[in-house]
Amino acid sequence: MSEPKRLFFAVEIPGNIQRQIVRWRAGQFPPEAGRPVAAANLHITLAFLGEVSAEKQQALAAMAGRIHQPGFTLHLDDAGQWLRSRVVWLGTCQPPRGLLQLASMLRAQAARSGCYQSPQPFHPHLTLLRDAGHAVSIPPPGFHWQVPVNEFVLYESSYSQGRTRYTPLQRWTLTE
């Protein structure tokens, strides 16, 4: 019997945009602001699943495969900080309807499968800095990245040797 895996559904940020965001972040936040998230780990979580057995993973993947909706463009044009969770984030002023629908469907399917879903409203964001325990200066508006979203991904989160790794396990294409 295999060990449960820590899983989540997310929107992947393309590598070229990851690199642009990392360069921008380095120019905006001093090193003491928090611990930067690795470029390869920048993503927008759609639904956190927690510890999932292989059997439940299969069922969730089958449900995800039945989702049919068009792709959309995500505009990363907002930033902020959550002091309680000690993160600085990058997000969107106007989440596209497609993103909200996709997250809603995945979260509902996860809940029906017994994966706890936070009662907090979905706030699409990518985490820029962790361990940001003190208020930081948030850059003024003016930054903007357009992220074309044509698929969503099931990731495994693992932690070893002091590093968190997100490994893509499966992808689903959004319809044209």
Protein backbone atom coordinates (compact mmCIF):
# COMPACT_ATOMS: atom_id res chain seq x y z
CA MET A 1 0.00 0.00 0.00
CA SER A 2 1.46 3.35 -1.03
CA GLU A 3 1.82 6.31 1.28
CA PRO A 4 -0.72 9.14 0.93
CA LYS A 5 0.51 12.12 -1.07
CA ARG A 6 0.02 15.80 -0.26
CA LEU A 7 -1.79 17.10 -3.35
CA PHE A 8 -3.32 20.24 -4.82
CA PHE A 9 -4.76 21.48 -8.12
CA ALA A 10 -3.18 24.66 -9.49
CA VAL A 11 -2.57 26.92 -12.43
CA GLU A 12 1.05 26.74 -13.53
CA ILE A 13 2.89 30.00 -14.20
CA PRO A 14 4.99 29.76 -17.41
CA GLY A 15 8.76 29.78 -16.88
CA ASN A 16 9.36 33.08 -18.68
CA ILE A 17 6.80 34.82 -16.45
CA GLN A 18 8.22 33.10 -13.33
CA ARG A 19 11.63 34.59 -14.14
CA GLN A 20 10.15 38.07 -14.74
CA ILE A 21 8.31 37.92 -11.40
CA VAL A 22 11.46 36.79 -9.55
CA ARG A 23 13.48 39.69 -11.03
CA TRP A 24 10.70 42.15 -10.16
CA ARG A 25 10.42 40.73 -6.61
CA ALA A 26 14.19 41.09 -6.06
CA GLY A 27 13.95 44.79 -6.96
CA GLN A 28 10.88 45.44 -4.79
CA PHE A 29 11.52 43.63 -1.49
CA PRO A 30 14.65 43.68 0.71
CA PRO A 31 16.09 40.31 1.81
CA GLU A 32 14.76 40.76 5.36
CA ALA A 33 11.16 41.07 4.06
CA GLY A 34 10.72 37.30 3.98
CA ARG A 35 11.85 34.03 2.44
CA PRO A 36 11.42 34.10 -1.36
CA VAL A 37 9.46 31.26 -2.93
CA ALA A 38 11.53 29.45 -5.58
CA ALA A 39 10.65 30.43 -9.15
CA ALA A 40 9.65 26.85 -10.01
CA ASN A 41 7.17 26.86 -7.09
CA LEU A 42 5.22 29.95 -8.24
CA HIS A 43 1.64 28.86 -9.00
CA ILE A 44 -1.99 29.73 -8.26
CA THR A 45 -3.63 27.09 -6.06
CA LEU A 46 -7.14 26.21 -7.20
CA ALA A 47 -7.97 23.54 -4.60
CA PHE A 48 -5.83 22.14 -1.80
CA LEU A 49 -6.51 18.42 -1.29
CA GLY A 50 -4.29 17.53 1.66
CA GLU A 51 -3.04 13.97 2.27
CA VAL A 52 -4.65 11.80 -0.40
CA SER A 53 -4.54 8.03 -0.93
CA ALA A 54 -3.78 6.60 -4.38
CA GLU A 55 -7.42 5.51 -4.68
CA LYS A 56 -8.76 8.97 -3.87
CA GLN A 57 -6.19 10.54 -6.20
CA GLN A 58 -7.54 8.40 -9.05
CA ALA A 59 -11.13 9.42 -8.29
CA LEU A 60 -10.20 13.12 -8.11
CA ALA A 61 -8.26 12.87 -11.38
CA ALA A 62 -11.23 11.21 -13.08
CA MET A 63 -13.53 14.04 -11.89
CA ALA A 64 -11.02 16.67 -13.04
CA GLY A 65 -10.98 15.04 -16.47
CA ARG A 66 -14.71 15.68 -16.82
CA ILE A 67 -14.30 19.45 -16.51
CA HIS A 68 -14.86 21.22 -19.82
CA GLN A 69 -14.46 24.95 -19.93
CA PRO A 70 -12.56 27.41 -22.09
CA GLY A 71 -9.12 28.75 -21.27
CA PHE A 72 -8.73 32.32 -20.04
CA THR A 73 -6.14 35.00 -19.39
CA LEU A 74 -5.11 35.85 -15.85
CA HIS A 75 -3.83 39.37 -15.17
CA LEU A 76 -1.37 39.51 -12.27
CA ASP A 77 -1.75 43.16 -11.32
CA ASP A 78 -2.29 43.24 -7.54
CA ALA A 79 -0.11 42.51 -4.51
CA GLY A 80 -0.57 42.39 -0.77
CA GLN A 81 0.41 40.82 2.50
CA TRP A 82 -1.38 38.58 4.97
CA LEU A 83 0.33 39.13 8.31
CA ARG A 84 -1.45 36.24 10.04
CA SER A 85 -0.18 33.68 7.51
CA ARG A 86 3.08 35.63 7.09
CA VAL A 87 3.00 35.77 3.28
CA VAL A 88 3.39 38.43 0.62
CA TRP A 89 1.36 37.61 -2.48
CA LEU A 90 0.80 38.58 -6.08
CA GLY A 91 -2.73 38.35 -7.42
CA THR A 92 -5.37 39.83 -9.64
CA CYS A 93 -7.66 42.83 -9.18
CA GLN A 94 -10.36 41.22 -11.35
CA PRO A 95 -10.26 37.41 -11.28
CA PRO A 96 -11.49 36.05 -14.64
CA ARG A 97 -14.79 34.17 -14.49
CA GLY A 98 -13.07 31.08 -15.91
CA LEU A 99 -10.62 30.98 -13.01
CA LEU A 100 -13.38 31.35 -10.42
CA GLN A 101 -15.49 28.63 -12.11
CA LEU A 102 -12.56 26.21 -12.36
CA ALA A 103 -11.61 26.70 -8.71
CA SER A 104 -15.23 26.35 -7.64
CA MET A 105 -15.69 23.06 -9.52
CA LEU A 106 -12.42 21.59 -8.23
CA ARG A 107 -13.11 22.65 -4.65
CA ALA A 108 -16.65 21.20 -4.79
CA GLN A 109 -15.36 17.90 -6.18
CA ALA A 110 -12.64 17.78 -3.54
CA ALA A 111 -15.17 18.41 -0.76
CA ARG A 112 -17.46 15.67 -2.10
CA SER A 113 -14.46 13.32 -2.02
CA GLY A 114 -13.79 14.10 1.63
CA CYS A 115 -10.97 16.61 1.18
CA TYR A 116 -11.44 19.47 3.63
CA GLN A 117 -11.96 22.83 1.89
CA SER A 118 -11.42 26.07 3.75
CA PRO A 119 -14.59 28.11 4.30
CA GLN A 120 -12.59 31.22 3.36
CA PRO A 121 -13.53 32.71 -0.01
CA PHE A 122 -11.22 31.79 -2.89
CA HIS A 123 -8.58 34.52 -3.29
CA PRO A 124 -6.45 33.67 -6.33
CA HIS A 125 -2.82 34.49 -5.61
CA LEU A 126 0.71 33.24 -5.87
CA THR A 127 2.93 33.41 -2.82
CA LEU A 128 5.99 35.62 -3.36
CA LEU A 129 7.49 35.55 0.16
CA ARG A 130 6.98 33.31 3.20
CA ASP A 131 7.88 34.06 6.81
CA ALA A 132 7.07 37.75 6.24
CA GLY A 133 6.29 38.42 9.89
CA HIS A 134 6.52 42.20 9.71
CA ALA A 135 4.58 44.59 7.49
CA VAL A 136 6.39 45.24 4.22
CA SER A 137 5.96 48.03 1.73
CA ILE A 138 3.76 46.78 -1.11
CA PRO A 139 4.75 48.14 -4.53
CA PRO A 140 2.32 50.64 -6.05
CA PRO A 141 0.17 49.49 -8.97
CA GLY A 142 1.88 49.56 -12.33
CA PHE A 143 3.18 46.01 -12.56
CA HIS A 144 1.24 43.62 -14.79
CA TRP A 145 1.73 40.13 -16.18
CA GLN A 146 -0.71 38.41 -18.55
CA VAL A 147 -0.78 34.67 -17.93
CA PRO A 148 -2.55 32.59 -20.59
CA VAL A 149 -4.26 29.67 -18.85
CA ASN A 150 -4.92 26.72 -21.14
CA GLU A 151 -4.58 23.92 -18.60
CA PHE A 152 -4.60 23.07 -14.92
CA VAL A 153 -2.31 20.71 -13.04
CA LEU A 154 -2.43 18.22 -10.18
CA TYR A 155 0.71 18.71 -8.06
CA GLU A 156 2.33 16.74 -5.30
CA SER A 157 3.95 18.78 -2.53
CA SER A 158 6.93 17.18 -0.81
CA TYR A 159 9.44 18.46 1.70
CA SER A 160 12.96 17.12 2.04
CA GLN A 161 16.40 18.48 2.87
CA GLY A 162 14.89 21.81 3.91
CA ARG A 163 13.19 22.40 0.55
CA THR A 164 9.61 22.21 -0.66
CA ARG A 165 9.14 20.73 -4.10
CA TYR A 166 6.00 20.79 -6.22
CA THR A 167 5.93 17.97 -8.75
CA PRO A 168 3.32 18.01 -11.54
CA LEU A 169 1.56 14.63 -11.65
CA GLN A 170 -1.16 15.18 -14.25
CA ARG A 171 -2.43 17.95 -16.57
CA TRP A 172 -5.80 18.72 -18.09
CA THR A 173 -6.27 20.98 -21.11
CA LEU A 174 -8.97 23.61 -21.05
CA THR A 175 -11.03 23.71 -24.25
CA GLU A 176 -10.50 26.35 -26.91
